PDB file of all heavy atoms in Angstrom:
ATOM      1  N   MET A   1     100.680 122.469 113.897  1.00  0.00           N
ATOM      2  CA  MET A   1     101.694 121.411 114.169  1.00  0.00           C
ATOM      3  C   MET A   1     102.774 121.418 112.913  1.00  0.00           C
ATOM      4  O   MET A   1     102.281 121.484 111.809  1.00  0.00           O
ATOM      5  CB  MET A   1     101.069 120.058 114.221  1.00  0.00           C
ATOM      6  CG  MET A   1     100.315 119.897 115.524  1.00  0.00           C
ATOM      7  SD  MET A   1      99.582 118.185 115.653  1.00  0.00           S
ATOM      8  CE  MET A   1     101.124 117.195 115.626  1.00  0.00           C
ATOM      9  N   LYS A   2     104.041 121.281 113.272  1.00  0.00           N
ATOM     10  CA  LYS A   2     105.037 121.263 112.276  1.00  0.00           C
ATOM     11  C   LYS A   2     104.928 120.066 111.309  1.00  0.00           C
ATOM     12  O   LYS A   2     105.338 120.189 110.131  1.00  0.00           O
ATOM     13  CB  LYS A   2     106.363 121.315 112.861  1.00  0.00           C
ATOM     14  CG  LYS A   2     106.714 122.608 113.524  1.00  0.00           C
ATOM     15  CD  LYS A   2     108.125 122.564 114.075  1.00  0.00           C
ATOM     16  CE  LYS A   2     108.461 123.970 114.815  1.00  0.00           C
ATOM     17  NZ  LYS A   2     109.734 124.048 115.301  1.00  0.00           N
ATOM     18  N   THR A   3     104.335 119.068 111.678  1.00  0.00           N
ATOM     19  CA  THR A   3     104.162 117.745 110.869  1.00  0.00           C
ATOM     20  C   THR A   3     102.898 117.892 110.011  1.00  0.00           C
ATOM     21  O   THR A   3     102.497 116.910 109.278  1.00  0.00           O
ATOM     22  CB  THR A   3     104.091 116.625 111.778  1.00  0.00           C
ATOM     23  OG1 THR A   3     103.034 116.787 112.759  1.00  0.00           O
ATOM     24  CG2 THR A   3     105.520 116.348 112.491  1.00  0.00           C
ATOM     25  N   SER A   4     102.078 118.994 110.122  1.00  0.00           N
ATOM     26  CA  SER A   4     100.851 119.131 109.357  1.00  0.00           C
ATOM     27  C   SER A   4     101.054 119.123 107.966  1.00  0.00           C
ATOM     28  O   SER A   4     101.722 119.972 107.329  1.00  0.00           O
ATOM     29  CB  SER A   4     100.155 120.420 109.829  1.00  0.00           C
ATOM     30  OG  SER A   4      99.102 120.788 108.968  1.00  0.00           O
ATOM     31  N   VAL A   5     100.445 118.075 107.199  1.00  0.00           N
ATOM     32  CA  VAL A   5     100.537 118.005 105.817  1.00  0.00           C
ATOM     33  C   VAL A   5      99.765 119.192 105.201  1.00  0.00           C
ATOM     34  O   VAL A   5     100.196 119.788 104.182  1.00  0.00           O
ATOM     35  CB  VAL A   5      99.911 116.714 105.262  1.00  0.00           C
ATOM     36  CG1 VAL A   5      99.879 116.643 103.760  1.00  0.00           C
ATOM     37  CG2 VAL A   5     100.742 115.503 105.835  1.00  0.00           C
ATOM     38  N   GLU A   6      98.683 119.643 105.776  1.00  0.00           N
ATOM     39  CA  GLU A   6      97.889 120.807 105.312  1.00  0.00           C
ATOM     40  C   GLU A   6      98.721 122.034 105.302  1.00  0.00           C
ATOM     41  O   GLU A   6      98.613 122.768 104.309  1.00  0.00           O
ATOM     42  CB  GLU A   6      96.675 120.922 106.149  1.00  0.00           C
ATOM     43  CG  GLU A   6      95.626 119.787 105.990  1.00  0.00           C
ATOM     44  CD  GLU A   6      95.994 118.653 106.888  1.00  0.00           C
ATOM     45  OE1 GLU A   6      96.888 118.680 107.609  1.00  0.00           O
ATOM     46  OE2 GLU A   6      95.218 117.616 106.798  1.00  0.00           O
ATOM     47  N   ARG A   7      99.467 122.292 106.382  1.00  0.00           N
ATOM     48  CA  ARG A   7     100.302 123.447 106.452  1.00  0.00           C
ATOM     49  C   ARG A   7     101.429 123.490 105.324  1.00  0.00           C
ATOM     50  O   ARG A   7     101.689 124.516 104.671  1.00  0.00           O
ATOM     51  CB  ARG A   7     100.934 123.635 107.845  1.00  0.00           C
ATOM     52  CG  ARG A   7     101.923 124.763 107.795  1.00  0.00           C
ATOM     53  CD  ARG A   7     102.807 124.762 109.082  1.00  0.00           C
ATOM     54  NE  ARG A   7     103.617 123.582 109.170  1.00  0.00           N
ATOM     55  CZ  ARG A   7     104.723 123.330 108.534  1.00  0.00           C
ATOM     56  NH1 ARG A   7     105.130 124.146 107.513  1.00  0.00           N
ATOM     57  NH2 ARG A   7     105.397 122.241 108.636  1.00  0.00           N
ATOM     58  N   GLN A   8     102.033 122.310 105.117  1.00  0.00           N
ATOM     59  CA  GLN A   8     103.017 122.201 104.097  1.00  0.00           C
ATOM     60  C   GLN A   8     102.464 122.438 102.676  1.00  0.00           C
ATOM     61  O   GLN A   8     103.101 123.218 101.853  1.00  0.00           O
ATOM     62  CB  GLN A   8     103.582 120.789 104.167  1.00  0.00           C
ATOM     63  CG  GLN A   8     104.487 120.414 105.365  1.00  0.00           C
ATOM     64  CD  GLN A   8     104.818 119.037 105.542  1.00  0.00           C
ATOM     65  OE1 GLN A   8     104.467 118.135 104.703  1.00  0.00           O
ATOM     66  NE2 GLN A   8     105.675 118.714 106.546  1.00  0.00           N
ATOM     67  N   LYS A   9     101.279 121.950 102.414  1.00  0.00           N
ATOM     68  CA  LYS A   9     100.616 122.246 101.109  1.00  0.00           C
ATOM     69  C   LYS A   9     100.272 123.750 100.940  1.00  0.00           C
ATOM     70  O   LYS A   9     100.430 124.273  99.946  1.00  0.00           O
ATOM     71  CB  LYS A   9      99.429 121.341 100.883  1.00  0.00           C
ATOM     72  CG  LYS A   9      99.779 119.866 100.649  1.00  0.00           C
ATOM     73  CD  LYS A   9      98.548 119.022 100.320  1.00  0.00           C
ATOM     74  CE  LYS A   9      98.995 117.630 100.021  1.00  0.00           C
ATOM     75  NZ  LYS A   9      97.794 116.763  99.663  1.00  0.00           N
ATOM     76  N   LEU A  10      99.723 124.261 102.014  1.00  0.00           N
ATOM     77  CA  LEU A  10      99.364 125.709 102.083  1.00  0.00           C
ATOM     78  C   LEU A  10     100.530 126.568 101.733  1.00  0.00           C
ATOM     79  O   LEU A  10     100.524 127.368 100.865  1.00  0.00           O
ATOM     80  CB  LEU A  10      98.777 126.128 103.408  1.00  0.00           C
ATOM     81  CG  LEU A  10      98.648 127.502 103.786  1.00  0.00           C
ATOM     82  CD1 LEU A  10      97.731 128.184 102.811  1.00  0.00           C
ATOM     83  CD2 LEU A  10      98.216 127.758 105.223  1.00  0.00           C
ATOM     84  N   GLU A  11     101.696 126.289 102.449  1.00  0.00           N
ATOM     85  CA  GLU A  11     102.887 127.104 102.235  1.00  0.00           C
ATOM     86  C   GLU A  11     103.505 126.977 100.814  1.00  0.00           C
ATOM     87  O   GLU A  11     103.956 127.871 100.212  1.00  0.00           O
ATOM     88  CB  GLU A  11     103.922 126.753 103.334  1.00  0.00           C
ATOM     89  CG  GLU A  11     103.457 127.242 104.672  1.00  0.00           C
ATOM     90  CD  GLU A  11     104.430 126.847 105.826  1.00  0.00           C
ATOM     91  OE1 GLU A  11     105.346 126.015 105.554  1.00  0.00           O
ATOM     92  OE2 GLU A  11     104.217 127.313 106.992  1.00  0.00           O
ATOM     93  N   SER A  12     103.452 125.680 100.311  1.00  0.00           N
ATOM     94  CA  SER A  12     104.095 125.404  99.077  1.00  0.00           C
ATOM     95  C   SER A  12     103.194 125.936  97.913  1.00  0.00           C
ATOM     96  O   SER A  12     103.703 126.603  97.036  1.00  0.00           O
ATOM     97  CB  SER A  12     104.226 123.900  98.972  1.00  0.00           C
ATOM     98  OG  SER A  12     104.759 123.611  97.586  1.00  0.00           O
ATOM     99  N   LYS A  13     101.912 125.514  97.960  1.00  0.00           N
ATOM    100  CA  LYS A  13     101.103 125.809  96.751  1.00  0.00           C
ATOM    101  C   LYS A  13     100.354 127.207  96.729  1.00  0.00           C
ATOM    102  O   LYS A  13     100.015 127.741  95.732  1.00  0.00           O
ATOM    103  CB  LYS A  13      99.933 124.718  96.777  1.00  0.00           C
ATOM    104  CG  LYS A  13     100.452 123.295  96.608  1.00  0.00           C
ATOM    105  CD  LYS A  13     101.209 123.055  95.302  1.00  0.00           C
ATOM    106  CE  LYS A  13     101.624 121.550  95.215  1.00  0.00           C
ATOM    107  NZ  LYS A  13     102.456 121.369  94.040  1.00  0.00           N
ATOM    108  N   LEU A  14     100.282 127.790  97.917  1.00  0.00           N
ATOM    109  CA  LEU A  14      99.720 129.127  97.958  1.00  0.00           C
ATOM    110  C   LEU A  14     100.783 130.248  98.277  1.00  0.00           C
ATOM    111  O   LEU A  14     101.042 131.151  97.531  1.00  0.00           O
ATOM    112  CB  LEU A  14      98.531 129.207  99.019  1.00  0.00           C
ATOM    113  CG  LEU A  14      97.790 130.573  99.054  1.00  0.00           C
ATOM    114  CD1 LEU A  14      97.164 130.747  97.771  1.00  0.00           C
ATOM    115  CD2 LEU A  14      96.831 130.512 100.230  1.00  0.00           C
ATOM    116  N   LEU A  15     101.351 130.134  99.541  1.00  0.00           N
ATOM    117  CA  LEU A  15     102.274 131.284  99.913  1.00  0.00           C
ATOM    118  C   LEU A  15     103.441 131.265  99.080  1.00  0.00           C
ATOM    119  O   LEU A  15     104.028 132.274  98.692  1.00  0.00           O
ATOM    120  CB  LEU A  15     102.679 131.076 101.429  1.00  0.00           C
ATOM    121  CG  LEU A  15     101.399 130.970 102.364  1.00  0.00           C
ATOM    122  CD1 LEU A  15     102.002 130.963 103.815  1.00  0.00           C
ATOM    123  CD2 LEU A  15     100.488 132.047 102.174  1.00  0.00           C
ATOM    124  N   GLY A  16     104.015 129.992  98.713  1.00  0.00           N
ATOM    125  CA  GLY A  16     105.245 130.032  97.968  1.00  0.00           C
ATOM    126  C   GLY A  16     104.977 130.561  96.515  1.00  0.00           C
ATOM    127  O   GLY A  16     105.853 131.252  95.983  1.00  0.00           O
ATOM    128  N   GLU A  17     103.864 130.321  95.953  1.00  0.00           N
ATOM    129  CA  GLU A  17     103.430 130.805  94.668  1.00  0.00           C
ATOM    130  C   GLU A  17     103.288 132.332  94.721  1.00  0.00           C
ATOM    131  O   GLU A  17     103.711 133.111  93.629  1.00  0.00           O
ATOM    132  CB  GLU A  17     102.172 130.207  94.069  1.00  0.00           C
ATOM    133  CG  GLU A  17     102.351 128.687  93.722  1.00  0.00           C
ATOM    134  CD  GLU A  17     103.434 128.569  92.637  1.00  0.00           C
ATOM    135  OE1 GLU A  17     103.377 129.202  91.626  1.00  0.00           O
ATOM    136  OE2 GLU A  17     104.398 127.701  92.873  1.00  0.00           O
ATOM    137  N   GLN A  18     102.784 132.857  95.817  1.00  0.00           N
ATOM    138  CA  GLN A  18     102.541 134.271  95.976  1.00  0.00           C
ATOM    139  C   GLN A  18     103.969 135.009  95.984  1.00  0.00           C
ATOM    140  O   GLN A  18     104.156 135.975  95.339  1.00  0.00           O
ATOM    141  CB  GLN A  18     101.801 134.672  97.269  1.00  0.00           C
ATOM    142  CG  GLN A  18     100.342 134.219  97.188  1.00  0.00           C
ATOM    143  CD  GLN A  18      99.653 134.497  98.486  1.00  0.00           C
ATOM    144  OE1 GLN A  18     100.286 134.884  99.488  1.00  0.00           O
ATOM    145  NE2 GLN A  18      98.397 134.192  98.550  1.00  0.00           N
ATOM    146  N   ILE A  19     104.835 134.393  96.728  1.00  0.00           N
ATOM    147  CA  ILE A  19     106.148 134.946  96.890  1.00  0.00           C
ATOM    148  C   ILE A  19     106.913 134.992  95.472  1.00  0.00           C
ATOM    149  O   ILE A  19     107.578 135.917  95.148  1.00  0.00           O
ATOM    150  CB  ILE A  19     107.050 134.209  97.914  1.00  0.00           C
ATOM    151  CG1 ILE A  19     106.489 134.438  99.389  1.00  0.00           C
ATOM    152  CG2 ILE A  19     108.489 134.543  97.860  1.00  0.00           C
ATOM    153  CD1 ILE A  19     106.955 133.503 100.391  1.00  0.00           C
ATOM    154  N   LYS A  20     106.717 133.880  94.752  1.00  0.00           N
ATOM    155  CA  LYS A  20     107.323 133.741  93.529  1.00  0.00           C
ATOM    156  C   LYS A  20     106.809 134.773  92.565  1.00  0.00           C
ATOM    157  O   LYS A  20     107.595 135.486  91.780  1.00  0.00           O
ATOM    158  CB  LYS A  20     107.093 132.351  92.895  1.00  0.00           C
ATOM    159  CG  LYS A  20     107.767 132.039  91.573  1.00  0.00           C
ATOM    160  CD  LYS A  20     107.373 130.707  91.058  1.00  0.00           C
ATOM    161  CE  LYS A  20     107.604 129.593  91.975  1.00  0.00           C
ATOM    162  NZ  LYS A  20     107.174 128.294  91.375  1.00  0.00           N
ATOM    163  N   ASN A  21     105.555 135.109  92.626  1.00  0.00           N
ATOM    164  CA  ASN A  21     104.952 136.095  91.794  1.00  0.00           C
ATOM    165  C   ASN A  21     105.488 137.461  92.169  1.00  0.00           C
ATOM    166  O   ASN A  21     105.787 138.278  91.216  1.00  0.00           O
ATOM    167  CB  ASN A  21     103.446 136.079  91.855  1.00  0.00           C
ATOM    168  CG  ASN A  21     102.751 137.044  90.838  1.00  0.00           C
ATOM    169  OD1 ASN A  21     102.370 138.145  91.204  1.00  0.00           O
ATOM    170  ND2 ASN A  21     102.576 136.593  89.733  1.00  0.00           N
ATOM    171  N   ILE A  22     105.650 137.752  93.462  1.00  0.00           N
ATOM    172  CA  ILE A  22     106.123 139.066  93.888  1.00  0.00           C
ATOM    173  C   ILE A  22     107.558 139.217  93.483  1.00  0.00           C
ATOM    174  O   ILE A  22     107.924 140.359  93.038  1.00  0.00           O
ATOM    175  CB  ILE A  22     106.053 139.161  95.428  1.00  0.00           C
ATOM    176  CG1 ILE A  22     104.581 139.204  95.858  1.00  0.00           C
ATOM    177  CG2 ILE A  22     106.738 140.385  95.985  1.00  0.00           C
ATOM    178  CD1 ILE A  22     104.311 138.896  97.349  1.00  0.00           C
ATOM    179  N   ILE A  23     108.434 138.295  93.556  1.00  0.00           N
ATOM    180  CA  ILE A  23     109.885 138.396  93.364  1.00  0.00           C
ATOM    181  C   ILE A  23     110.200 138.189  91.895  1.00  0.00           C
ATOM    182  O   ILE A  23     111.109 138.890  91.279  1.00  0.00           O
ATOM    183  CB  ILE A  23     110.635 137.385  94.308  1.00  0.00           C
ATOM    184  CG1 ILE A  23     110.245 137.694  95.696  1.00  0.00           C
ATOM    185  CG2 ILE A  23     112.120 137.626  93.999  1.00  0.00           C
ATOM    186  CD1 ILE A  23     110.451 139.158  96.214  1.00  0.00           C
ATOM    187  N   ALA A  24     109.600 137.189  91.270  1.00  0.00           N
ATOM    188  CA  ALA A  24     110.153 136.738  89.955  1.00  0.00           C
ATOM    189  C   ALA A  24     109.515 137.363  88.792  1.00  0.00           C
ATOM    190  O   ALA A  24     110.034 137.369  87.665  1.00  0.00           O
ATOM    191  CB  ALA A  24     110.022 135.113  89.836  1.00  0.00           C
ATOM    192  N   CYS A  25     108.284 137.954  88.991  1.00  0.00           N
ATOM    193  CA  CYS A  25     107.450 138.449  87.817  1.00  0.00           C
ATOM    194  C   CYS A  25     107.480 140.003  87.804  1.00  0.00           C
ATOM    195  O   CYS A  25     107.568 140.663  88.805  1.00  0.00           O
ATOM    196  CB  CYS A  25     106.027 137.900  87.940  1.00  0.00           C
ATOM    197  SG  CYS A  25     105.924 136.151  87.909  1.00  0.00           S
ATOM    198  N   GLU A  26     107.249 140.359  86.525  1.00  0.00           N
ATOM    199  CA  GLU A  26     107.229 141.852  86.269  1.00  0.00           C
ATOM    200  C   GLU A  26     106.060 142.092  85.373  1.00  0.00           C
ATOM    201  O   GLU A  26     105.481 141.090  84.835  1.00  0.00           O
ATOM    202  CB  GLU A  26     108.476 142.408  85.776  1.00  0.00           C
ATOM    203  CG  GLU A  26     109.733 142.303  86.663  1.00  0.00           C
ATOM    204  CD  GLU A  26     109.547 143.255  87.932  1.00  0.00           C
ATOM    205  OE1 GLU A  26     108.572 144.010  87.989  1.00  0.00           O
ATOM    206  OE2 GLU A  26     110.389 143.074  88.838  1.00  0.00           O
ATOM    207  N   GLY A  27     105.714 143.380  85.207  1.00  0.00           N
ATOM    208  CA  GLY A  27     104.596 143.658  84.226  1.00  0.00           C
ATOM    209  C   GLY A  27     103.275 143.113  84.541  1.00  0.00           C
ATOM    210  O   GLY A  27     102.945 142.901  85.725  1.00  0.00           O
ATOM    211  N   VAL A  28     102.573 142.783  83.533  1.00  0.00           N
ATOM    212  CA  VAL A  28     101.159 142.268  83.724  1.00  0.00           C
ATOM    213  C   VAL A  28     101.144 140.894  84.411  1.00  0.00           C
ATOM    214  O   VAL A  28     100.149 140.492  84.968  1.00  0.00           O
ATOM    215  CB  VAL A  28     100.497 142.188  82.375  1.00  0.00           C
ATOM    216  CG1 VAL A  28     100.980 141.059  81.555  1.00  0.00           C
ATOM    217  CG2 VAL A  28      98.969 142.105  82.515  1.00  0.00           C
ATOM    218  N   ASP A  29     102.296 140.204  84.338  1.00  0.00           N
ATOM    219  CA  ASP A  29     102.358 138.839  84.969  1.00  0.00           C
ATOM    220  C   ASP A  29     102.429 138.942  86.580  1.00  0.00           C
ATOM    221  O   ASP A  29     102.085 138.107  87.294  1.00  0.00           O
ATOM    222  CB  ASP A  29     103.685 138.115  84.505  1.00  0.00           C
ATOM    223  CG  ASP A  29     103.527 137.703  83.092  1.00  0.00           C
ATOM    224  OD1 ASP A  29     102.439 137.546  82.569  1.00  0.00           O
ATOM    225  OD2 ASP A  29     104.565 137.673  82.495  1.00  0.00           O
ATOM    226  N   ARG A  30     102.793 140.065  87.038  1.00  0.00           N
ATOM    227  CA  ARG A  30     102.851 140.256  88.494  1.00  0.00           C
ATOM    228  C   ARG A  30     101.574 140.758  89.071  1.00  0.00           C
ATOM    229  O   ARG A  30     101.136 141.908  89.112  1.00  0.00           O
ATOM    230  CB  ARG A  30     103.998 141.174  88.938  1.00  0.00           C
ATOM    231  CG  ARG A  30     104.160 141.450  90.346  1.00  0.00           C
ATOM    232  CD  ARG A  30     105.675 141.998  90.710  1.00  0.00           C
ATOM    233  NE  ARG A  30     105.871 143.224  90.069  1.00  0.00           N
ATOM    234  CZ  ARG A  30     105.683 144.460  90.419  1.00  0.00           C
ATOM    235  NH1 ARG A  30     105.044 144.560  91.626  1.00  0.00           N
ATOM    236  NH2 ARG A  30     106.042 145.554  89.774  1.00  0.00           N
ATOM    237  N   LYS A  31     100.824 139.756  89.595  1.00  0.00           N
ATOM    238  CA  LYS A  31      99.461 140.040  90.115  1.00  0.00           C
ATOM    239  C   LYS A  31      99.427 140.339  91.526  1.00  0.00           C
ATOM    240  O   LYS A  31      98.434 141.039  92.092  1.00  0.00           O
ATOM    241  CB  LYS A  31      98.545 138.733  89.924  1.00  0.00           C
ATOM    242  CG  LYS A  31      98.475 138.219  88.479  1.00  0.00           C
ATOM    243  CD  LYS A  31      97.713 139.243  87.641  1.00  0.00           C
ATOM    244  CE  LYS A  31      97.478 138.609  86.227  1.00  0.00           C
ATOM    245  NZ  LYS A  31      96.823 139.565  85.371  1.00  0.00           N
ATOM    246  N   GLU A  32     100.428 139.930  92.310  1.00  0.00           N
ATOM    247  CA  GLU A  32     100.460 140.182  93.804  1.00  0.00           C
ATOM    248  C   GLU A  32     100.942 141.642  94.051  1.00  0.00           C
ATOM    249  O   GLU A  32     102.125 141.841  94.433  1.00  0.00           O
ATOM    250  CB  GLU A  32     101.218 139.137  94.525  1.00  0.00           C
ATOM    251  CG  GLU A  32     100.928 137.740  94.255  1.00  0.00           C
ATOM    252  CD  GLU A  32      99.483 137.415  94.846  1.00  0.00           C
ATOM    253  OE1 GLU A  32      99.137 138.181  95.865  1.00  0.00           O
ATOM    254  OE2 GLU A  32      98.758 136.547  94.314  1.00  0.00           O
ATOM    255  N   ARG A  33     100.168 142.660  93.882  1.00  0.00           N
ATOM    256  CA  ARG A  33     100.505 144.078  93.939  1.00  0.00           C
ATOM    257  C   ARG A  33      99.761 144.706  95.102  1.00  0.00           C
ATOM    258  O   ARG A  33      99.026 145.620  94.925  1.00  0.00           O
ATOM    259  CB  ARG A  33     100.190 144.759  92.670  1.00  0.00           C
ATOM    260  CG  ARG A  33     100.995 144.245  91.457  1.00  0.00           C
ATOM    261  CD  ARG A  33     100.494 144.898  90.171  1.00  0.00           C
ATOM    262  NE  ARG A  33     101.410 144.519  89.055  1.00  0.00           N
ATOM    263  CZ  ARG A  33     102.407 145.453  88.603  1.00  0.00           C
ATOM    264  NH1 ARG A  33     102.489 146.587  89.248  1.00  0.00           N
ATOM    265  NH2 ARG A  33     103.110 145.105  87.601  1.00  0.00           N
ATOM    266  N   HIS A  34     100.053 144.191  96.332  1.00  0.00           N
ATOM    267  CA  HIS A  34      99.352 144.728  97.484  1.00  0.00           C
ATOM    268  C   HIS A  34      99.673 146.203  97.883  1.00  0.00           C
ATOM    269  O   HIS A  34     100.827 146.574  97.651  1.00  0.00           O
ATOM    270  CB  HIS A  34      99.540 143.737  98.685  1.00  0.00           C
ATOM    271  CG  HIS A  34      99.315 142.299  98.314  1.00  0.00           C
ATOM    272  ND1 HIS A  34      98.045 141.842  98.235  1.00  0.00           N
ATOM    273  CD2 HIS A  34     100.155 141.314  98.005  1.00  0.00           C
ATOM    274  CE1 HIS A  34      98.067 140.569  97.863  1.00  0.00           C
ATOM    275  NE2 HIS A  34      99.280 140.155  97.723  1.00  0.00           N
TER     276      HIS A  34
END
């Protein structure tokens, strides 16, 4: 459901942080190296 608080937290705290690591980080700081 679009109103799901759980979905919002999942996207913000997990997926958003993964995307930030992929795009914003380089070198040893970039852990999301799939």
